[in-house]
C-alpha atoms as a PDB file:
ATOM      1  CA  UNK A   1       8.581  75.866 118.513  1.00  0.00           C
ATOM      2  CA  UNK A   2       8.640  76.961 122.139  1.00  0.00           C
ATOM      3  CA  UNK A   3      10.372  80.244 121.233  1.00  0.00           C
ATOM      4  CA  UNK A   4       7.300  81.384 119.325  1.00  0.00           C
ATOM      5  CA  UNK A   5       5.124  81.321 122.438  1.00  0.00           C
ATOM      6  CA  UNK A   6       7.643  82.879 124.847  1.00  0.00           C
ATOM      7  CA  UNK A   7       6.620  86.388 123.785  1.00  0.00           C
ATOM      8  CA  UNK A   8       3.251  86.163 125.519  1.00  0.00           C
ATOM      9  CA  UNK A   9       4.789  87.266 128.812  1.00  0.00           C
ATOM     10  CA  UNK A  10       4.981  90.852 127.517  1.00  0.00           C
ATOM     11  CA  UNK A  11       1.581  90.865 125.811  1.00  0.00           C
ATOM     12  CA  UNK A  12      -0.271  92.600 128.661  1.00  0.00           C
ATOM     13  CA  UNK A  13       2.256  95.409 128.992  1.00  0.00           C
ATOM     14  CA  UNK A  14       2.413  95.898 125.243  1.00  0.00           C
ATOM     15  CA  UNK A  15      -1.373  95.975 124.941  1.00  0.00           C
ATOM     16  CA  UNK A  16      -1.677  98.502 127.783  1.00  0.00           C
ATOM     17  CA  UNK A  17       1.079 100.626 126.191  1.00  0.00           C
ATOM     18  CA  UNK A  18      -0.657 100.682 122.817  1.00  0.00           C
ATOM     19  CA  UNK A  19      -4.104 101.338 124.319  1.00  0.00           C
ATOM     20  CA  UNK A  20      -2.772 104.342 126.268  1.00  0.00           C
ATOM     21  CA  UNK A  21      -1.112 105.693 123.135  1.00  0.00           C
ATOM     22  CA  UNK A  22      -4.286 105.132 121.103  1.00  0.00           C
ATOM     23  CA  UNK A  23      -6.366 107.001 123.692  1.00  0.00           C
ATOM     24  CA  UNK A  24      -3.877 109.880 123.663  1.00  0.00           C
ATOM     25  CA  UNK A  25      -3.919 110.055 119.855  1.00  0.00           C
ATOM     26  CA  UNK A  26      -7.734 110.039 119.771  1.00  0.00           C
ATOM     27  CA  UNK A  27      -7.848 112.849 122.328  1.00  0.00           C
ATOM     28  CA  UNK A  28      -5.228 114.821 120.371  1.00  0.00           C
ATOM     29  CA  UNK A  29      -7.124 114.354 117.113  1.00  0.00           C
ATOM     30  CA  UNK A  30      -9.945 116.532 118.444  1.00  0.00           C
ATOM     31  CA  UNK A  31      -7.752 119.588 117.840  1.00  0.00           C
ATOM     32  CA  UNK A  32      -7.798 120.146 114.047  1.00  0.00           C
ATOM     33  CA  UNK A  33      -4.236 120.648 112.781  1.00  0.00           C
ATOM     34  CA  UNK A  34      -2.043 120.789 115.845  1.00  0.00           C
ATOM     35  CA  UNK A  35      -3.638 117.631 117.225  1.00  0.00           C
ATOM     36  CA  UNK A  36      -2.778 115.658 114.101  1.00  0.00           C
ATOM     37  CA  UNK A  37       0.825 116.826 114.214  1.00  0.00           C
ATOM     38  CA  UNK A  38       1.019 116.073 117.947  1.00  0.00           C
ATOM     39  CA  UNK A  39      -0.403 112.595 117.282  1.00  0.00           C
ATOM     40  CA  UNK A  40       2.241 112.021 114.628  1.00  0.00           C
ATOM     41  CA  UNK A  41       4.958 113.192 117.014  1.00  0.00           C
ATOM     42  CA  UNK A  42       3.584 110.894 119.712  1.00  0.00           C
ATOM     43  CA  UNK A  43       3.599 107.969 117.291  1.00  0.00           C
ATOM     44  CA  UNK A  44       7.259 108.584 116.582  1.00  0.00           C
ATOM     45  CA  UNK A  45       8.068 109.082 120.266  1.00  0.00           C
ATOM     46  CA  UNK A  46       6.570 105.771 121.410  1.00  0.00           C
ATOM     47  CA  UNK A  47       8.485 103.635 118.931  1.00  0.00           C
ATOM     48  CA  UNK A  48      11.453 102.829 121.221  1.00  0.00           C
ATOM     49  CA  UNK A  49       9.125 101.710 123.995  1.00  0.00           C
ATOM     50  CA  UNK A  50       7.586  98.962 121.878  1.00  0.00           C
ATOM     51  CA  UNK A  51      10.950  97.287 121.501  1.00  0.00           C
ATOM     52  CA  UNK A  52      11.888  97.872 125.148  1.00  0.00           C
ATOM     53  CA  UNK A  53       8.747  96.095 126.347  1.00  0.00           C
ATOM     54  CA  UNK A  54       9.439  93.103 124.134  1.00  0.00           C
ATOM     55  CA  UNK A  55      13.202  92.929 124.663  1.00  0.00           C
ATOM     56  CA  UNK A  56      13.593  93.945 128.299  1.00  0.00           C
ATOM     57  CA  UNK A  57      10.162  93.049 129.624  1.00  0.00           C
ATOM     58  CA  UNK A  58       9.546  96.587 130.875  1.00  0.00           C
ATOM     59  CA  UNK A  59       6.171  97.593 132.206  1.00  0.00           C
ATOM     60  CA  UNK A  60       3.998 100.188 130.518  1.00  0.00           C
ATOM     61  CA  UNK A  61       5.047 103.186 132.612  1.00  0.00           C
ATOM     62  CA  UNK A  62       8.709 102.129 132.638  1.00  0.00           C
ATOM     63  CA  UNK A  63       8.630 101.927 128.833  1.00  0.00           C
ATOM     64  CA  UNK A  64       7.276 105.492 128.620  1.00  0.00           C
ATOM     65  CA  UNK A  65      10.027 106.703 130.962  1.00  0.00           C
ATOM     66  CA  UNK A  66      12.683 104.853 128.964  1.00  0.00           C
ATOM     67  CA  UNK A  67      11.354 106.403 125.744  1.00  0.00           C
ATOM     68  CA  UNK A  68      11.677 109.900 127.157  1.00  0.00           C
ATOM     69  CA  UNK A  69      15.253 109.415 128.331  1.00  0.00           C
ATOM     70  CA  UNK A  70      16.282 107.631 125.129  1.00  0.00           C
ATOM     71  CA  UNK A  71      14.773 110.296 122.886  1.00  0.00           C
ATOM     72  CA  UNK A  72      16.429 113.049 124.901  1.00  0.00           C
ATOM     73  CA  UNK A  73      19.848 111.484 124.289  1.00  0.00           C
ATOM     74  CA  UNK A  74      19.519 111.008 120.518  1.00  0.00           C
ATOM     75  CA  UNK A  75      16.298 112.505 119.128  1.00  0.00           C
ATOM     76  CA  UNK A  76      17.328 113.046 115.508  1.00  0.00           C
ATOM     77  CA  UNK A  77      18.353 109.455 114.846  1.00  0.00           C
ATOM     78  CA  UNK A  78      15.163 108.068 116.405  1.00  0.00           C
ATOM     79  CA  UNK A  79      13.007 110.482 114.430  1.00  0.00           C
ATOM     80  CA  UNK A  80      14.776 109.584 111.187  1.00  0.00           C
ATOM     81  CA  UNK A  81      14.505 105.847 111.868  1.00  0.00           C
ATOM     82  CA  UNK A  82      10.787 106.078 112.687  1.00  0.00           C
ATOM     83  CA  UNK A  83       9.956 108.328 109.730  1.00  0.00           C
ATOM     84  CA  UNK A  84      12.006 106.377 107.167  1.00  0.00           C
ATOM     85  CA  UNK A  85      10.678 103.067 108.512  1.00  0.00           C
ATOM     86  CA  UNK A  86       7.099 104.338 108.305  1.00  0.00           C
ATOM     87  CA  UNK A  87       7.556 105.716 104.801  1.00  0.00           C
ATOM     88  CA  UNK A  88       9.121 102.469 103.640  1.00  0.00           C
ATOM     89  CA  UNK A  89       6.293 100.458 105.184  1.00  0.00           C
ATOM     90  CA  UNK A  90       3.716 102.792 103.634  1.00  0.00           C
ATOM     91  CA  UNK A  91       5.171 102.470 100.139  1.00  0.00           C
ATOM     92  CA  UNK A  92       3.992  98.866 100.034  1.00  0.00           C
ATOM     93  CA  UNK A  93       0.444  99.935 100.833  1.00  0.00           C
ATOM     94  CA  UNK A  94       0.491 102.288  97.873  1.00  0.00           C
ATOM     95  CA  UNK A  95       1.551  99.428  95.578  1.00  0.00           C
ATOM     96  CA  UNK A  96      -1.866  97.758  95.740  1.00  0.00           C
ATOM     97  CA  UNK A  97      -1.113  96.175  99.135  1.00  0.00           C
ATOM     98  CA  UNK A  98       1.058  93.520  97.516  1.00  0.00           C
ATOM     99  CA  UNK A  99       4.262  95.320  98.445  1.00  0.00           C
ATOM    100  CA  UNK A 100       3.306  95.315 102.126  1.00  0.00           C
ATOM    101  CA  UNK A 101       4.678  91.796 102.411  1.00  0.00           C
ATOM    102  CA  UNK A 102       8.152  93.132 101.658  1.00  0.00           C
ATOM    103  CA  UNK A 103       8.109  96.732 102.867  1.00  0.00           C
ATOM    104  CA  UNK A 104       6.615  96.391 106.366  1.00  0.00           C
ATOM    105  CA  UNK A 105       9.382  94.025 107.513  1.00  0.00           C
ATOM    106  CA  UNK A 106      12.032  96.346 106.068  1.00  0.00           C
ATOM    107  CA  UNK A 107      10.466  99.349 107.806  1.00  0.00           C
ATOM    108  CA  UNK A 108      10.357  97.429 111.065  1.00  0.00           C
ATOM    109  CA  UNK A 109      13.976  96.335 110.672  1.00  0.00           C
ATOM    110  CA  UNK A 110      15.054  99.969 110.419  1.00  0.00           C
ATOM    111  CA  UNK A 111      13.515 100.891 113.763  1.00  0.00           C
ATOM    112  CA  UNK A 112      14.579  97.605 115.383  1.00  0.00           C
ATOM    113  CA  UNK A 113      18.167  98.238 114.284  1.00  0.00           C
ATOM    114  CA  UNK A 114      18.027 101.700 115.825  1.00  0.00           C
ATOM    115  CA  UNK A 115      16.782 100.133 119.058  1.00  0.00           C
ATOM    116  CA  UNK A 116      19.601  97.584 119.040  1.00  0.00           C
ATOM    117  CA  UNK A 117      22.159 100.352 118.548  1.00  0.00           C
ATOM    118  CA  UNK A 118      20.794 102.457 121.412  1.00  0.00           C
ATOM    119  CA  UNK A 119      19.309 100.015 123.924  1.00  0.00           C
ATOM    120  CA  UNK A 120      22.277 100.157 126.299  1.00  0.00           C
ATOM    121  CA  UNK A 121      22.629 103.951 126.294  1.00  0.00           C
END
């Protein structure tokens, strides 16, 4: 039972990370087409940082730096993992929201597996 509540130590960093990304996406969405594509690219680019904050306990800025270096080493695999994971998670939403129970965990597992493969690079 105690393992469930151990994750709260990274809550502040994770919240700050997501708020900064949300602000950036809102600012980018002001530009009609290019802003939407840049927001999508940013969403894909921040994916590794979410896992790094939770697993390593990195701070917000350190997670952004780690994302940049990780994506520079292996961009194609990260992009594929984030896109396939998002598509898989979105398929459940199309199926009258019932499929979300199954597809969101599978989509998350894809990106988490990619993180596990690359976290020591």
